C-alpha atoms as a PDB file:
ATOM      1  CA  UNK A   1      96.573 116.359 127.737  1.00  0.00           C
ATOM      2  CA  UNK A   2      95.598 113.278 129.421  1.00  0.00           C
ATOM      3  CA  UNK A   3      92.843 110.647 128.816  1.00  0.00           C
ATOM      4  CA  UNK A   4      91.728 109.671 132.140  1.00  0.00           C
ATOM      5  CA  UNK A   5      90.937 105.092 131.764  1.00  0.00           C
ATOM      6  CA  UNK A   6      88.000 104.204 133.041  1.00  0.00           C
ATOM      7  CA  UNK A   7      86.048 100.586 132.261  1.00  0.00           C
ATOM      8  CA  UNK A   8      87.490  97.667 133.237  1.00  0.00           C
ATOM      9  CA  UNK A   9      91.079  98.218 132.343  1.00  0.00           C
ATOM     10  CA  UNK A  10      90.786 101.212 134.496  1.00  0.00           C
ATOM     11  CA  UNK A  11      89.191  99.286 137.453  1.00  0.00           C
ATOM     12  CA  UNK A  12      92.659  96.867 137.015  1.00  0.00           C
ATOM     13  CA  UNK A  13      95.111  99.527 136.382  1.00  0.00           C
ATOM     14  CA  UNK A  14      93.739 101.159 139.550  1.00  0.00           C
ATOM     15  CA  UNK A  15      94.435  97.824 141.634  1.00  0.00           C
ATOM     16  CA  UNK A  16      97.758  97.576 140.260  1.00  0.00           C
ATOM     17  CA  UNK A  17      98.456 100.849 141.331  1.00  0.00           C
ATOM     18  CA  UNK A  18      97.564 100.336 144.566  1.00  0.00           C
ATOM     19  CA  UNK A  19      99.487  96.959 145.809  1.00  0.00           C
ATOM     20  CA  UNK A  20     102.593  98.218 143.204  1.00  0.00           C
ATOM     21  CA  UNK A  21     102.861 102.416 143.964  1.00  0.00           C
ATOM     22  CA  UNK A  22      99.910 103.427 146.554  1.00  0.00           C
ATOM     23  CA  UNK A  23     101.564 106.975 146.104  1.00  0.00           C
ATOM     24  CA  UNK A  24     100.396 107.210 142.564  1.00  0.00           C
ATOM     25  CA  UNK A  25      96.893 105.640 143.231  1.00  0.00           C
ATOM     26  CA  UNK A  26      96.186 108.262 145.647  1.00  0.00           C
ATOM     27  CA  UNK A  27      97.847 110.992 143.635  1.00  0.00           C
ATOM     28  CA  UNK A  28      96.367 110.091 139.809  1.00  0.00           C
ATOM     29  CA  UNK A  29      93.299 108.442 138.103  1.00  0.00           C
ATOM     30  CA  UNK A  30      94.995 105.414 135.800  1.00  0.00           C
ATOM     31  CA  UNK A  31      95.684 108.044 132.521  1.00  0.00           C
ATOM     32  CA  UNK A  32      97.105 108.380 129.339  1.00  0.00           C
ATOM     33  CA  UNK A  33      99.497 111.384 128.383  1.00  0.00           C
ATOM     34  CA  UNK A  34      98.961 112.815 125.388  1.00  0.00           C
ATOM     35  CA  UNK A  35     100.743 116.064 125.446  1.00  0.00           C
ATOM     36  CA  UNK A  36     102.761 117.651 128.077  1.00  0.00           C
ATOM     37  CA  UNK A  37     106.193 115.191 128.630  1.00  0.00           C
ATOM     38  CA  UNK A  38     105.874 113.341 124.753  1.00  0.00           C
ATOM     39  CA  UNK A  39     105.686 114.136 121.738  1.00  0.00           C
ATOM     40  CA  UNK A  40     104.933 117.684 122.346  1.00  0.00           C
ATOM     41  CA  UNK A  41     105.639 119.774 125.408  1.00  0.00           C
ATOM     42  CA  UNK A  42     103.024 121.432 127.971  1.00  0.00           C
ATOM     43  CA  UNK A  43     101.324 124.886 126.842  1.00  0.00           C
ATOM     44  CA  UNK A  44     102.458 128.028 128.652  1.00  0.00           C
ATOM     45  CA  UNK A  45     100.583 128.870 131.448  1.00  0.00           C
ATOM     46  CA  UNK A  46      99.204 132.112 129.077  1.00  0.00           C
ATOM     47  CA  UNK A  47      97.285 129.375 126.875  1.00  0.00           C
ATOM     48  CA  UNK A  48      93.851 130.873 127.917  1.00  0.00           C
ATOM     49  CA  UNK A  49      90.632 128.281 128.479  1.00  0.00           C
ATOM     50  CA  UNK A  50      88.772 129.860 125.248  1.00  0.00           C
ATOM     51  CA  UNK A  51      92.010 129.522 122.752  1.00  0.00           C
ATOM     52  CA  UNK A  52      92.466 125.586 124.131  1.00  0.00           C
ATOM     53  CA  UNK A  53      88.563 125.088 123.256  1.00  0.00           C
ATOM     54  CA  UNK A  54      89.277 126.756 119.654  1.00  0.00           C
ATOM     55  CA  UNK A  55      91.826 125.314 118.591  1.00  0.00           C
ATOM     56  CA  UNK A  56      90.875 121.451 120.256  1.00  0.00           C
ATOM     57  CA  UNK A  57      86.877 121.426 119.880  1.00  0.00           C
ATOM     58  CA  UNK A  58      86.563 121.160 115.873  1.00  0.00           C
ATOM     59  CA  UNK A  59      89.724 118.143 116.801  1.00  0.00           C
ATOM     60  CA  UNK A  60      87.752 116.164 119.326  1.00  0.00           C
ATOM     61  CA  UNK A  61      84.562 116.824 118.195  1.00  0.00           C
ATOM     62  CA  UNK A  62      86.208 114.617 114.600  1.00  0.00           C
ATOM     63  CA  UNK A  63      87.353 112.304 116.338  1.00  0.00           C
ATOM     64  CA  UNK A  64      85.852 109.065 117.364  1.00  0.00           C
ATOM     65  CA  UNK A  65      85.861 107.409 120.661  1.00  0.00           C
ATOM     66  CA  UNK A  66      89.896 105.298 120.484  1.00  0.00           C
ATOM     67  CA  UNK A  67      89.720 101.311 121.240  1.00  0.00           C
ATOM     68  CA  UNK A  68      93.545 100.756 121.927  1.00  0.00           C
ATOM     69  CA  UNK A  69      94.975  97.674 123.481  1.00  0.00           C
ATOM     70  CA  UNK A  70      98.165  97.634 126.187  1.00  0.00           C
ATOM     71  CA  UNK A  71     101.297  95.682 125.090  1.00  0.00           C
ATOM     72  CA  UNK A  72     103.832  94.138 127.675  1.00  0.00           C
ATOM     73  CA  UNK A  73     104.203  95.782 130.671  1.00  0.00           C
ATOM     74  CA  UNK A  74     108.377  97.836 130.563  1.00  0.00           C
ATOM     75  CA  UNK A  75     110.668  99.494 131.912  1.00  0.00           C
ATOM     76  CA  UNK A  76     110.766 103.670 130.518  1.00  0.00           C
ATOM     77  CA  UNK A  77     113.626 104.277 129.178  1.00  0.00           C
ATOM     78  CA  UNK A  78     115.919 102.828 131.424  1.00  0.00           C
ATOM     79  CA  UNK A  79     114.171 103.530 135.012  1.00  0.00           C
ATOM     80  CA  UNK A  80     112.364 101.932 138.049  1.00  0.00           C
ATOM     81  CA  UNK A  81     109.326 103.293 136.170  1.00  0.00           C
ATOM     82  CA  UNK A  82     106.859 100.689 134.662  1.00  0.00           C
ATOM     83  CA  UNK A  83     104.333 101.208 132.311  1.00  0.00           C
ATOM     84  CA  UNK A  84     102.476  99.644 130.229  1.00  0.00           C
ATOM     85  CA  UNK A  85     102.434 100.857 126.583  1.00  0.00           C
ATOM     86  CA  UNK A  86     100.094 101.619 123.732  1.00  0.00           C
ATOM     87  CA  UNK A  87     100.899 101.433 120.445  1.00  0.00           C
ATOM     88  CA  UNK A  88     101.727 105.006 118.622  1.00  0.00           C
ATOM     89  CA  UNK A  89     100.700 104.768 115.309  1.00  0.00           C
ATOM     90  CA  UNK A  90      96.988 104.440 114.341  1.00  0.00           C
ATOM     91  CA  UNK A  91      94.402 106.493 115.266  1.00  0.00           C
ATOM     92  CA  UNK A  92      96.570 107.875 118.730  1.00  0.00           C
ATOM     93  CA  UNK A  93      98.649 109.324 117.054  1.00  0.00           C
ATOM     94  CA  UNK A  94      96.698 110.528 113.742  1.00  0.00           C
ATOM     95  CA  UNK A  95      95.075 112.425 117.131  1.00  0.00           C
ATOM     96  CA  UNK A  96      98.089 113.119 118.884  1.00  0.00           C
ATOM     97  CA  UNK A  97      99.796 114.757 115.159  1.00  0.00           C
ATOM     98  CA  UNK A  98      96.469 117.263 114.949  1.00  0.00           C
ATOM     99  CA  UNK A  99      96.338 118.251 118.699  1.00  0.00           C
ATOM    100  CA  UNK A 100     100.028 119.024 118.372  1.00  0.00           C
ATOM    101  CA  UNK A 101      99.585 120.762 114.323  1.00  0.00           C
ATOM    102  CA  UNK A 102      96.770 122.540 116.223  1.00  0.00           C
ATOM    103  CA  UNK A 103      98.415 125.801 116.671  1.00  0.00           C
ATOM    104  CA  UNK A 104      98.388 126.062 119.800  1.00  0.00           C
ATOM    105  CA  UNK A 105     102.290 126.641 120.870  1.00  0.00           C
ATOM    106  CA  UNK A 106     103.198 123.729 123.005  1.00  0.00           C
ATOM    107  CA  UNK A 107     107.036 123.820 124.362  1.00  0.00           C
ATOM    108  CA  UNK A 108     109.623 121.433 123.424  1.00  0.00           C
ATOM    109  CA  UNK A 109     109.151 118.037 124.802  1.00  0.00           C
ATOM    110  CA  UNK A 110     111.626 115.860 127.552  1.00  0.00           C
ATOM    111  CA  UNK A 111     110.339 112.682 125.222  1.00  0.00           C
ATOM    112  CA  UNK A 112     109.393 111.969 121.186  1.00  0.00           C
ATOM    113  CA  UNK A 113     106.306 110.430 121.885  1.00  0.00           C
ATOM    114  CA  UNK A 114     104.679 107.341 124.247  1.00  0.00           C
ATOM    115  CA  UNK A 115     101.743 106.528 124.594  1.00  0.00           C
ATOM    116  CA  UNK A 116     101.422 104.520 128.189  1.00  0.00           C
ATOM    117  CA  UNK A 117      99.938 104.097 131.160  1.00  0.00           C
ATOM    118  CA  UNK A 118     102.243 103.874 133.719  1.00  0.00           C
ATOM    119  CA  UNK A 119     102.152 101.469 136.418  1.00  0.00           C
ATOM    120  CA  UNK A 120     104.475 102.404 139.140  1.00  0.00           C
ATOM    121  CA  UNK A 121     106.207 105.510 139.263  1.00  0.00           C
ATOM    122  CA  UNK A 122     107.565 106.235 143.147  1.00  0.00           C
ATOM    123  CA  UNK A 123     109.071 102.636 145.155  1.00  0.00           C
ATOM    124  CA  UNK A 124     112.189 101.640 143.916  1.00  0.00           C
ATOM    125  CA  UNK A 125     111.559  98.078 142.461  1.00  0.00           C
ATOM    126  CA  UNK A 126     113.185  94.965 143.983  1.00  0.00           C
ATOM    127  CA  UNK A 127     114.386  92.374 141.631  1.00  0.00           C
ATOM    128  CA  UNK A 128     110.904  90.053 143.093  1.00  0.00           C
ATOM    129  CA  UNK A 129     108.349  92.683 142.499  1.00  0.00           C
ATOM    130  CA  UNK A 130     109.871  94.170 138.911  1.00  0.00           C
ATOM    131  CA  UNK A 131     109.412  90.527 137.108  1.00  0.00           C
ATOM    132  CA  UNK A 132     106.160  90.885 139.487  1.00  0.00           C
ATOM    133  CA  UNK A 133     105.076  94.449 137.670  1.00  0.00           C
ATOM    134  CA  UNK A 134     106.581  93.245 134.326  1.00  0.00           C
ATOM    135  CA  UNK A 135     104.498  89.560 134.083  1.00  0.00           C
ATOM    136  CA  UNK A 136     101.572  91.194 134.123  1.00  0.00           C
ATOM    137  CA  UNK A 137      99.026  91.580 131.164  1.00  0.00           C
ATOM    138  CA  UNK A 138      96.357  94.415 130.791  1.00  0.00           C
ATOM    139  CA  UNK A 139      94.393  92.326 128.017  1.00  0.00           C
ATOM    140  CA  UNK A 140      91.027  94.242 127.667  1.00  0.00           C
ATOM    141  CA  UNK A 141      90.825  97.319 125.197  1.00  0.00           C
ATOM    142  CA  UNK A 142      90.822 100.507 126.728  1.00  0.00           C
ATOM    143  CA  UNK A 143      88.486 102.863 125.459  1.00  0.00           C
ATOM    144  CA  UNK A 144      89.611 106.761 125.115  1.00  0.00           C
ATOM    145  CA  UNK A 145      85.963 108.877 124.885  1.00  0.00           C
ATOM    146  CA  UNK A 146      87.376 112.116 125.886  1.00  0.00           C
ATOM    147  CA  UNK A 147      90.396 114.035 126.797  1.00  0.00           C
ATOM    148  CA  UNK A 148      90.843 116.632 129.134  1.00  0.00           C
ATOM    149  CA  UNK A 149      92.677 119.699 129.815  1.00  0.00           C
ATOM    150  CA  UNK A 150      94.981 120.661 133.447  1.00  0.00           C
ATOM    151  CA  UNK A 151      96.828 124.094 133.975  1.00  0.00           C
ATOM    152  CA  UNK A 152      99.660 122.493 135.976  1.00  0.00           C
ATOM    153  CA  UNK A 153     101.853 125.263 137.697  1.00  0.00           C
ATOM    154  CA  UNK A 154     104.243 122.810 140.653  1.00  0.00           C
ATOM    155  CA  UNK A 155     103.619 122.904 143.210  1.00  0.00           C
ATOM    156  CA  UNK A 156     100.536 123.799 143.263  1.00  0.00           C
ATOM    157  CA  UNK A 157      97.530 121.361 142.634  1.00  0.00           C
ATOM    158  CA  UNK A 158      96.662 121.339 139.463  1.00  0.00           C
ATOM    159  CA  UNK A 159      93.198 122.822 138.177  1.00  0.00           C
ATOM    160  CA  UNK A 160      90.980 121.277 135.617  1.00  0.00           C
ATOM    161  CA  UNK A 161      90.504 123.527 132.419  1.00  0.00           C
ATOM    162  CA  UNK A 162      88.624 121.408 130.164  1.00  0.00           C
ATOM    163  CA  UNK A 163      87.287 118.252 129.531  1.00  0.00           C
ATOM    164  CA  UNK A 164      86.303 117.712 125.736  1.00  0.00           C
ATOM    165  CA  UNK A 165      84.418 114.280 124.111  1.00  0.00           C
ATOM    166  CA  UNK A 166      85.926 112.819 121.634  1.00  0.00           C
ATOM    167  CA  UNK A 167      82.470 112.270 119.821  1.00  0.00           C
ATOM    168  CA  UNK A 168      83.835 112.236 115.838  1.00  0.00           C
ATOM    169  CA  UNK A 169      81.561 108.800 113.833  1.00  0.00           C
ATOM    170  CA  UNK A 170      84.174 105.603 113.083  1.00  0.00           C
ATOM    171  CA  UNK A 171      84.990 106.005 109.443  1.00  0.00           C
ATOM    172  CA  UNK A 172      82.323 103.118 107.668  1.00  0.00           C
ATOM    173  CA  UNK A 173      83.715 100.951 105.349  1.00  0.00           C
ATOM    174  CA  UNK A 174      81.967  99.845 102.191  1.00  0.00           C
ATOM    175  CA  UNK A 175      80.847  97.175 102.196  1.00  0.00           C
ATOM    176  CA  UNK A 176      82.078  94.621  99.105  1.00  0.00           C
ATOM    177  CA  UNK A 177      80.187  93.604  96.265  1.00  0.00           C
ATOM    178  CA  UNK A 178      78.055  96.923  96.320  1.00  0.00           C
END
């Protein structure tokens, strides 16, 4: 499950991808991976679209849009990969944990839940390029208003299975003095 990043933040990340990792820019739109490699692993290919919709549809319908802010870039887990991290707590964690406990047969994850958007994945970075990437700041908020599930059977291209809007109402804070 991923959330593609649109708006001003998505446009900025696409520019960064095109400059520092053109292969990544051609291969994938800027996105946040919610399940599949971190927190919970991929789903088996036997999971049907109907099962996914039944388990995840109510969670998405009950979840309001997520407004998130990126932290400063960092190297991902002692690799050459540079990412923009997101806070793994708060509304994003609540959504992730609801998906993880949906009853779907997720496989084992390779990493703990570490939400991020990748800036550079494929190239080996020179010291200067790494310094430039790590100095970048994406300060505008990113709004997650939908999630998409893909079936990935390497080496075949991914196939979109389902797109779910996050359509829950934001929590209301009670008016003071009433």
